[in-house]
């Protein structure tokens, strides 16, 4: 496993639990607003953390930490290594949350059916109509993304969908479309975009609190739980 980041304590990444977060390198999307440009574009240049260092820490923190969040990059690119890696984490008694872009629905299903993940957070980049533009991939086939959405909504597992909302990339029409696509989903979060030196492409901006609240009200017509994150 190519582990390039290890947040040893977080109250935010695993809802309702005190956790740690692992950052894996590599991604099959090129979202221009991505905050982890190094992990996406040049993971080989990022610092590398040995697996045994991670497991040594997790063993010591048993009984204090409750869960481990695995994020990236895109963790499901590690199709062969990820199940065994998570199994070792589960053997220590931890809950596991997977962050994913949903492009590997078969692996998500395998992990769930083998009791290797307890919670999934799937990024919804935009409406189906504008997905490729926002994901930074020309002529993107989103059939795998749609299969992941369908699976999570019917899996019985705790999950959430979430969208980082960018003024230059999203519109009201996108959220009307998303509201129809994800109708009835368990939870959907709108994350306010924040510019930083680590984004793939600079020059984007966020909507105002009031505008994000308007999107939430629109989405609540078809979803029971819609909230915002990252608003100061």
Protein backbone atom coordinates (compact mmCIF):
# COMPACT_ATOMS: atom_id res chain seq x y z
CA UNK A 1 0.00 0.00 0.00
CA UNK A 2 1.26 3.46 -0.88
CA UNK A 3 0.49 5.39 2.30
CA UNK A 4 1.46 9.04 1.93
CA UNK A 5 -0.31 10.63 4.86
CA UNK A 6 -1.40 9.67 8.37
CA UNK A 7 -3.60 11.90 10.51
CA UNK A 8 -3.33 10.19 13.86
CA UNK A 9 -6.35 11.88 15.45
CA UNK A 10 -9.51 13.33 13.89
CA UNK A 11 -12.97 14.22 15.11
CA UNK A 12 -14.19 15.08 11.61
CA UNK A 13 -13.33 12.35 9.12
CA UNK A 14 -15.37 9.52 10.67
CA UNK A 15 -18.80 10.85 11.74
CA UNK A 16 -19.57 10.12 15.36
CA UNK A 17 -16.24 8.47 16.13
CA UNK A 18 -12.76 9.39 17.26
CA UNK A 19 -10.54 8.21 14.45
CA UNK A 20 -7.37 8.26 12.41
CA UNK A 21 -7.09 8.89 8.67
CA UNK A 22 -4.82 7.27 6.09
CA UNK A 23 -4.10 8.98 2.76
CA UNK A 24 -3.29 6.75 -0.22
CA UNK A 25 -1.67 8.01 -3.41
CA UNK A 26 -2.97 7.97 -6.97
CA UNK A 27 -6.34 8.81 -8.53
CA UNK A 28 -8.16 8.15 -11.80
CA UNK A 29 -9.87 11.57 -11.70
CA UNK A 30 -8.32 15.00 -12.17
CA UNK A 31 -10.82 17.25 -10.44
CA UNK A 32 -9.32 20.73 -10.90
CA UNK A 33 -10.42 21.82 -7.41
CA UNK A 34 -8.89 18.79 -5.66
CA UNK A 35 -7.11 19.73 -2.41
CA UNK A 36 -4.63 16.83 -2.64
CA UNK A 37 -2.81 17.69 -5.85
CA UNK A 38 0.39 15.93 -4.82
CA UNK A 39 -1.38 12.65 -4.09
CA UNK A 40 -3.19 12.80 -7.43
CA UNK A 41 -0.58 14.13 -9.85
CA UNK A 42 2.74 12.91 -8.42
CA UNK A 43 2.26 10.49 -5.53
CA UNK A 44 5.74 9.08 -6.13
CA UNK A 45 7.13 12.43 -4.99
CA UNK A 46 5.15 12.47 -1.74
CA UNK A 47 6.57 11.21 1.59
CA UNK A 48 5.97 7.51 2.16
CA UNK A 49 4.82 5.98 5.45
CA UNK A 50 5.58 2.34 6.19
CA UNK A 51 2.60 0.09 6.87
CA UNK A 52 4.16 -1.26 10.04
CA UNK A 53 4.51 2.25 11.43
CA UNK A 54 0.77 2.69 10.97
CA UNK A 55 -0.11 -0.64 12.54
CA UNK A 56 2.23 -0.05 15.46
CA UNK A 57 0.37 3.17 16.23
CA UNK A 58 -3.06 1.60 15.79
CA UNK A 59 -2.17 -1.23 18.16
CA UNK A 60 -1.11 1.26 20.84
CA UNK A 61 -4.28 3.32 20.45
CA UNK A 62 -6.77 0.46 20.77
CA UNK A 63 -9.46 1.40 23.25
CA UNK A 64 -8.95 5.10 22.55
CA UNK A 65 -9.43 5.42 18.82
CA UNK A 66 -12.63 3.92 17.42
CA UNK A 67 -12.27 4.03 13.66
CA UNK A 68 -9.94 4.41 10.70
CA UNK A 69 -10.80 6.42 7.60
CA UNK A 70 -9.09 5.41 4.36
CA UNK A 71 -8.98 8.19 1.80
CA UNK A 72 -6.77 9.49 -1.00
CA UNK A 73 -6.34 9.95 -3.85
CA UNK A 74 -8.62 7.04 -4.66
CA UNK A 75 -8.23 4.01 -2.36
CA UNK A 76 -10.06 1.56 -4.65
CA UNK A 77 -7.21 1.75 -7.16
CA UNK A 78 -5.47 -0.66 -4.75
CA UNK A 79 -7.84 -3.45 -5.70
CA UNK A 80 -5.50 -6.31 -4.84
CA UNK A 81 -3.99 -4.90 -1.66
CA UNK A 82 -6.91 -3.10 -0.01
CA UNK A 83 -8.96 -6.07 1.30
CA UNK A 84 -5.99 -7.61 3.11
CA UNK A 85 -4.88 -4.26 4.44
CA UNK A 86 -8.31 -3.45 5.84
CA UNK A 87 -8.59 -6.95 7.28
CA UNK A 88 -5.54 -6.23 9.43
CA UNK A 89 -7.18 -3.02 10.67
CA UNK A 90 -10.42 -4.86 11.46
CA UNK A 91 -8.48 -7.51 13.35
CA UNK A 92 -7.43 -4.75 15.75
CA UNK A 93 -11.08 -4.02 16.49
CA UNK A 94 -11.49 -0.79 14.52
CA UNK A 95 -14.40 0.44 12.47
CA UNK A 96 -13.38 1.32 8.91
CA UNK A 97 -14.69 4.13 6.73
CA UNK A 98 -13.88 4.25 3.02
CA UNK A 99 -13.76 7.50 1.03
CA UNK A 100 -14.22 6.83 -2.69
CA UNK A 101 -15.16 8.37 -6.02
CA UNK A 102 -17.27 5.31 -6.78
CA UNK A 103 -15.45 4.12 -9.89
CA UNK A 104 -14.92 0.60 -8.54
CA UNK A 105 -18.37 -0.64 -7.45
CA UNK A 106 -17.27 -4.28 -7.53
CA UNK A 107 -14.57 -3.66 -4.91
CA UNK A 108 -16.96 -1.64 -2.75
CA UNK A 109 -19.38 -4.56 -2.83
CA UNK A 110 -16.62 -7.06 -2.02
CA UNK A 111 -15.43 -5.01 0.94
CA UNK A 112 -18.94 -4.64 2.30
CA UNK A 113 -19.95 -8.27 1.81
CA UNK A 114 -16.82 -9.38 3.65
CA UNK A 115 -17.54 -7.02 6.56
CA UNK A 116 -14.42 -4.98 5.86
CA UNK A 117 -16.04 -1.54 5.74
CA UNK A 118 -18.63 -0.05 8.07
CA UNK A 119 -19.20 3.32 6.42
CA UNK A 120 -18.69 4.69 2.91
CA UNK A 121 -18.45 8.32 1.83
CA UNK A 122 -18.81 8.69 -1.93
CA UNK A 123 -18.01 11.89 -3.76
CA UNK A 124 -20.64 13.03 -6.23
CA UNK A 125 -18.77 15.37 -8.53
CA UNK A 126 -21.76 16.92 -10.26
CA UNK A 127 -24.89 16.11 -12.20
CA UNK A 128 -24.64 13.24 -14.67
CA UNK A 129 -24.64 15.79 -17.49
CA UNK A 130 -21.53 17.62 -16.22
CA UNK A 131 -19.70 14.80 -14.45
CA UNK A 132 -16.72 14.54 -16.78
CA UNK A 133 -16.10 18.28 -16.77
CA UNK A 134 -16.00 18.49 -12.98
CA UNK A 135 -14.03 15.24 -12.60
CA UNK A 136 -11.45 16.55 -15.07
CA UNK A 137 -11.80 13.56 -17.42
CA UNK A 138 -12.93 14.11 -20.99
CA UNK A 139 -15.65 11.75 -22.32
CA UNK A 140 -15.96 10.09 -18.93
CA UNK A 141 -18.18 7.00 -18.75
CA UNK A 142 -19.96 7.29 -15.40
CA UNK A 143 -21.72 3.91 -15.52
CA UNK A 144 -19.48 2.59 -12.72
CA UNK A 145 -20.27 5.66 -10.61
CA UNK A 146 -23.99 5.05 -11.13
CA UNK A 147 -23.61 1.40 -10.10
CA UNK A 148 -21.87 2.48 -6.89
CA UNK A 149 -24.69 4.92 -6.11
CA UNK A 150 -27.27 2.20 -6.64
CA UNK A 151 -25.34 -0.31 -4.56
CA UNK A 152 -24.80 2.00 -1.60
CA UNK A 153 -28.43 3.08 -1.55
CA UNK A 154 -29.51 -0.56 -1.29
CA UNK A 155 -26.64 -2.03 0.75
CA UNK A 156 -27.97 -1.48 4.26
CA UNK A 157 -24.59 0.03 5.16
CA UNK A 158 -24.08 3.49 6.63
CA UNK A 159 -23.07 5.82 3.82
CA UNK A 160 -23.14 9.40 2.66
CA UNK A 161 -22.89 11.21 -0.63
CA UNK A 162 -21.08 14.54 -0.76
CA UNK A 163 -20.25 17.24 -3.26
CA UNK A 164 -17.59 19.93 -3.03
CA UNK A 165 -19.46 22.92 -4.44
CA UNK A 166 -17.49 25.26 -6.69
CA UNK A 167 -19.00 28.46 -8.06
CA UNK A 168 -17.26 28.18 -11.43
CA UNK A 169 -18.29 24.52 -11.93
CA UNK A 170 -21.75 24.05 -10.40
CA UNK A 171 -25.16 25.58 -10.99
CA UNK A 172 -28.69 25.33 -9.63
CA UNK A 173 -29.53 23.09 -12.58
CA UNK A 174 -26.85 20.63 -11.46
CA UNK A 175 -28.48 20.28 -8.05
CA UNK A 176 -31.95 19.89 -9.54
CA UNK A 177 -30.53 16.98 -11.54
CA UNK A 178 -28.64 15.52 -8.56
CA UNK A 179 -31.80 15.76 -6.46
CA UNK A 180 -33.59 13.51 -8.95
CA UNK A 181 -30.64 11.12 -9.31
CA UNK A 182 -30.03 10.59 -5.58
CA UNK A 183 -33.66 10.87 -4.45
CA UNK A 184 -34.21 9.09 -1.15
CA UNK A 185 -30.51 8.72 -0.30
CA UNK A 186 -29.55 8.40 3.35
CA UNK A 187 -27.47 11.60 3.65
CA UNK A 188 -26.05 14.21 1.30
CA UNK A 189 -23.52 16.89 2.25
CA UNK A 190 -22.56 20.04 0.37
CA UNK A 191 -18.96 20.94 1.13
CA UNK A 192 -17.92 24.55 0.66
CA UNK A 193 -14.88 24.86 -1.61
CA UNK A 194 -11.80 26.43 -0.05
CA UNK A 195 -8.88 27.60 -2.15
CA UNK A 196 -5.37 26.62 -1.11
CA UNK A 197 -1.88 26.16 -2.49
CA UNK A 198 -2.51 22.41 -2.73
CA UNK A 199 -5.31 22.46 -5.30
CA UNK A 200 -4.68 21.15 -8.81
CA UNK A 201 -5.90 24.40 -10.40
CA UNK A 202 -6.14 27.76 -8.67
CA UNK A 203 -8.78 30.41 -9.27
CA UNK A 204 -11.96 28.74 -8.03
CA UNK A 205 -14.29 30.12 -5.40
CA UNK A 206 -17.15 29.04 -3.14
CA UNK A 207 -20.78 29.99 -3.06
CA UNK A 208 -21.99 32.06 -0.12
CA UNK A 209 -23.61 30.49 2.93
CA UNK A 210 -26.98 31.77 1.73
CA UNK A 211 -26.53 30.23 -1.73
CA UNK A 212 -25.49 26.88 -0.26
CA UNK A 213 -28.53 26.99 2.02
CA UNK A 214 -30.69 27.54 -1.06
CA UNK A 215 -29.21 24.42 -2.67
CA UNK A 216 -29.93 22.50 0.53
CA UNK A 217 -33.57 23.56 0.53
CA UNK A 218 -33.90 22.48 -3.07
CA UNK A 219 -32.33 19.07 -2.38
CA UNK A 220 -34.49 18.44 0.69
CA UNK A 221 -37.44 18.07 -1.66
CA UNK A 222 -36.12 14.58 -2.49
CA UNK A 223 -33.66 13.75 0.32
CA UNK A 224 -34.33 13.40 4.06
CA UNK A 225 -30.95 14.72 5.25
CA UNK A 226 -29.03 17.47 3.49
CA UNK A 227 -26.43 19.58 5.29
CA UNK A 228 -23.45 21.82 4.59
CA UNK A 229 -19.86 21.42 5.71
CA UNK A 230 -16.86 23.71 5.75
CA UNK A 231 -18.67 27.02 6.10
CA UNK A 232 -16.91 29.43 8.46
